[in-house]
Amino acid sequence: MAAASLLAGLATGAMAQSTAPSAPVATPPTSMSAATAHAVQVPQLTIRDVYDRLEAAGYRDLREIEWSDGRYEVKARNAQGARVKLEIDGNTGAVLRNRIKH
């Protein structure tokens, strides 16, 4: 009888343990090397930020805003109405390249 009570107690404890929610496990902070940090380039500016900045600078008809190699590539029209292809720095919003499309 004592053995049966012991087994019942263990089974109840095991069930209670398996149904109890587990506490979140803290993950240690990871440090990235400089090479790893540059391999994964994440823009600081969102597409909306880029759109707003270019619009404020006089560009119109902004379309095809795409992220590529640390830069945004944008097709738009400049203040004179010419079609342009722009390369925008993803961190600063600076226009790195401005090509007129013919």
C-alpha atoms as a PDB file:
ATOM      1  CA  MET A   1       0.000   0.000   0.000  1.00  0.00           C
ATOM      2  CA  ALA A   2       2.872   2.387   0.755  1.00  0.00           C
ATOM      3  CA  ALA A   3       4.345   1.613  -2.658  1.00  0.00           C
ATOM      4  CA  ALA A   4       1.018   2.423  -4.338  1.00  0.00           C
ATOM      5  CA  SER A   5       0.806   5.748  -2.480  1.00  0.00           C
ATOM      6  CA  LEU A   6       4.357   6.589  -3.479  1.00  0.00           C
ATOM      7  CA  LEU A   7       3.684   5.814  -7.157  1.00  0.00           C
ATOM      8  CA  ALA A   8       0.462   7.834  -7.125  1.00  0.00           C
ATOM      9  CA  GLY A   9       2.281  10.780  -5.552  1.00  0.00           C
ATOM     10  CA  LEU A  10       5.041  10.617  -8.158  1.00  0.00           C
ATOM     11  CA  ALA A  11       2.542  10.406 -11.007  1.00  0.00           C
ATOM     12  CA  THR A  12       0.599  13.397  -9.665  1.00  0.00           C
ATOM     13  CA  GLY A  13       3.820  15.392  -9.292  1.00  0.00           C
ATOM     14  CA  ALA A  14       4.909  14.505 -12.810  1.00  0.00           C
ATOM     15  CA  MET A  15       1.557  15.593 -14.232  1.00  0.00           C
ATOM     16  CA  ALA A  16       1.621  18.841 -12.283  1.00  0.00           C
ATOM     17  CA  GLN A  17       5.125  19.519 -13.499  1.00  0.00           C
ATOM     18  CA  SER A  18       4.307  18.848 -17.149  1.00  0.00           C
ATOM     19  CA  THR A  19       1.221  21.101 -17.148  1.00  0.00           C
ATOM     20  CA  ALA A  20       2.805  24.012 -15.286  1.00  0.00           C
ATOM     21  CA  PRO A  21       3.909  26.838 -17.560  1.00  0.00           C
ATOM     22  CA  SER A  22       7.625  27.104 -17.891  1.00  0.00           C
ATOM     23  CA  ALA A  23       9.436  30.286 -16.985  1.00  0.00           C
ATOM     24  CA  PRO A  24      11.083  32.139 -19.861  1.00  0.00           C
ATOM     25  CA  VAL A  25      14.707  31.305 -20.281  1.00  0.00           C
ATOM     26  CA  ALA A  26      17.006  34.288 -20.411  1.00  0.00           C
ATOM     27  CA  THR A  27      19.349  34.256 -23.354  1.00  0.00           C
ATOM     28  CA  PRO A  28      22.802  35.664 -22.911  1.00  0.00           C
ATOM     29  CA  PRO A  29      23.633  38.727 -24.972  1.00  0.00           C
ATOM     30  CA  THR A  30      25.522  37.999 -28.113  1.00  0.00           C
ATOM     31  CA  SER A  31      28.305  40.098 -29.442  1.00  0.00           C
ATOM     32  CA  MET A  32      28.793  40.419 -33.167  1.00  0.00           C
ATOM     33  CA  SER A  33      32.129  40.908 -34.739  1.00  0.00           C
ATOM     34  CA  ALA A  34      32.584  43.866 -37.066  1.00  0.00           C
ATOM     35  CA  ALA A  35      32.519  41.533 -40.075  1.00  0.00           C
ATOM     36  CA  THR A  36      29.205  40.008 -39.016  1.00  0.00           C
ATOM     37  CA  ALA A  37      27.654  43.385 -38.256  1.00  0.00           C
ATOM     38  CA  HIS A  38      28.469  44.616 -41.765  1.00  0.00           C
ATOM     39  CA  ALA A  39      27.295  41.413 -43.440  1.00  0.00           C
ATOM     40  CA  VAL A  40      23.726  41.992 -42.231  1.00  0.00           C
ATOM     41  CA  GLN A  41      22.845  45.541 -43.162  1.00  0.00           C
ATOM     42  CA  VAL A  42      19.622  46.778 -41.699  1.00  0.00           C
ATOM     43  CA  PRO A  43      18.387  50.215 -42.711  1.00  0.00           C
ATOM     44  CA  GLN A  44      17.854  52.798 -40.016  1.00  0.00           C
ATOM     45  CA  LEU A  45      15.341  54.602 -42.203  1.00  0.00           C
ATOM     46  CA  THR A  46      12.050  53.029 -43.185  1.00  0.00           C
ATOM     47  CA  ILE A  47      10.580  53.218 -46.656  1.00  0.00           C
ATOM     48  CA  ARG A  48       8.167  55.829 -45.298  1.00  0.00           C
ATOM     49  CA  ASP A  49      11.097  57.918 -43.979  1.00  0.00           C
ATOM     50  CA  VAL A  50      12.771  57.806 -47.396  1.00  0.00           C
ATOM     51  CA  TYR A  51       9.509  58.692 -49.155  1.00  0.00           C
ATOM     52  CA  ASP A  52       8.885  61.674 -46.863  1.00  0.00           C
ATOM     53  CA  ARG A  53      12.448  62.992 -47.189  1.00  0.00           C
ATOM     54  CA  LEU A  54      12.472  62.746 -50.973  1.00  0.00           C
ATOM     55  CA  GLU A  55       9.069  64.359 -51.260  1.00  0.00           C
ATOM     56  CA  ALA A  56      10.252  67.241 -49.034  1.00  0.00           C
ATOM     57  CA  ALA A  57      13.305  67.595 -51.312  1.00  0.00           C
ATOM     58  CA  GLY A  58      11.060  68.150 -54.340  1.00  0.00           C
ATOM     59  CA  TYR A  59      10.884  64.676 -55.873  1.00  0.00           C
ATOM     60  CA  ARG A  60       7.470  63.506 -57.094  1.00  0.00           C
ATOM     61  CA  ASP A  61       5.851  60.353 -58.436  1.00  0.00           C
ATOM     62  CA  LEU A  62       7.989  58.207 -56.103  1.00  0.00           C
ATOM     63  CA  ARG A  63       7.743  54.506 -56.885  1.00  0.00           C
ATOM     64  CA  GLU A  64       9.662  51.265 -56.620  1.00  0.00           C
ATOM     65  CA  ILE A  65      11.448  52.034 -53.363  1.00  0.00           C
ATOM     66  CA  GLU A  66      13.610  48.939 -52.876  1.00  0.00           C
ATOM     67  CA  TRP A  67      16.304  47.967 -50.350  1.00  0.00           C
ATOM     68  CA  SER A  68      19.575  46.681 -51.833  1.00  0.00           C
ATOM     69  CA  ASP A  69      23.130  46.525 -50.460  1.00  0.00           C
ATOM     70  CA  GLY A  70      22.739  49.143 -47.723  1.00  0.00           C
ATOM     71  CA  ARG A  71      20.872  51.536 -49.991  1.00  0.00           C
ATOM     72  CA  TYR A  72      17.405  52.281 -51.170  1.00  0.00           C
ATOM     73  CA  GLU A  73      16.878  52.416 -54.919  1.00  0.00           C
ATOM     74  CA  VAL A  74      14.051  54.727 -55.926  1.00  0.00           C
ATOM     75  CA  LYS A  75      12.449  55.663 -59.225  1.00  0.00           C
ATOM     76  CA  ALA A  76      10.888  59.118 -59.231  1.00  0.00           C
ATOM     77  CA  ARG A  77      10.564  62.449 -61.028  1.00  0.00           C
ATOM     78  CA  ASN A  78      12.725  65.389 -60.048  1.00  0.00           C
ATOM     79  CA  ALA A  79      11.483  68.969 -59.572  1.00  0.00           C
ATOM     80  CA  GLN A  80      11.858  69.601 -63.324  1.00  0.00           C
ATOM     81  CA  GLY A  81       9.710  66.573 -64.171  1.00  0.00           C
ATOM     82  CA  ALA A  82      12.519  64.369 -65.501  1.00  0.00           C
ATOM     83  CA  ARG A  83      12.458  60.666 -64.617  1.00  0.00           C
ATOM     84  CA  VAL A  84      15.321  59.801 -62.270  1.00  0.00           C
ATOM     85  CA  LYS A  85      16.743  56.769 -60.545  1.00  0.00           C
ATOM     86  CA  LEU A  86      18.102  57.546 -57.080  1.00  0.00           C
ATOM     87  CA  GLU A  87      20.310  55.678 -54.668  1.00  0.00           C
ATOM     88  CA  ILE A  88      19.645  56.686 -51.065  1.00  0.00           C
ATOM     89  CA  ASP A  89      21.823  55.863 -48.041  1.00  0.00           C
ATOM     90  CA  GLY A  90      19.719  53.625 -45.781  1.00  0.00           C
ATOM     91  CA  ASN A  91      21.088  55.197 -42.596  1.00  0.00           C
ATOM     92  CA  THR A  92      21.344  58.902 -43.361  1.00  0.00           C
ATOM     93  CA  GLY A  93      18.864  59.434 -46.187  1.00  0.00           C
ATOM     94  CA  ALA A  94      21.510  61.178 -48.289  1.00  0.00           C
ATOM     95  CA  VAL A  95      21.148  60.946 -52.065  1.00  0.00           C
ATOM     96  CA  LEU A  96      24.215  58.968 -53.134  1.00  0.00           C
ATOM     97  CA  ARG A  97      23.436  58.887 -56.834  1.00  0.00           C
ATOM     98  CA  ASN A  98      20.967  60.682 -59.073  1.00  0.00           C
ATOM     99  CA  ARG A  99      20.681  59.421 -62.663  1.00  0.00           C
ATOM    100  CA  ILE A 100      18.319  60.915 -65.209  1.00  0.00           C
ATOM    101  CA  LYS A 101      16.464  58.204 -67.150  1.00  0.00           C
ATOM    102  CA  HIS A 102      15.909  58.848 -70.857  1.00  0.00           C
END
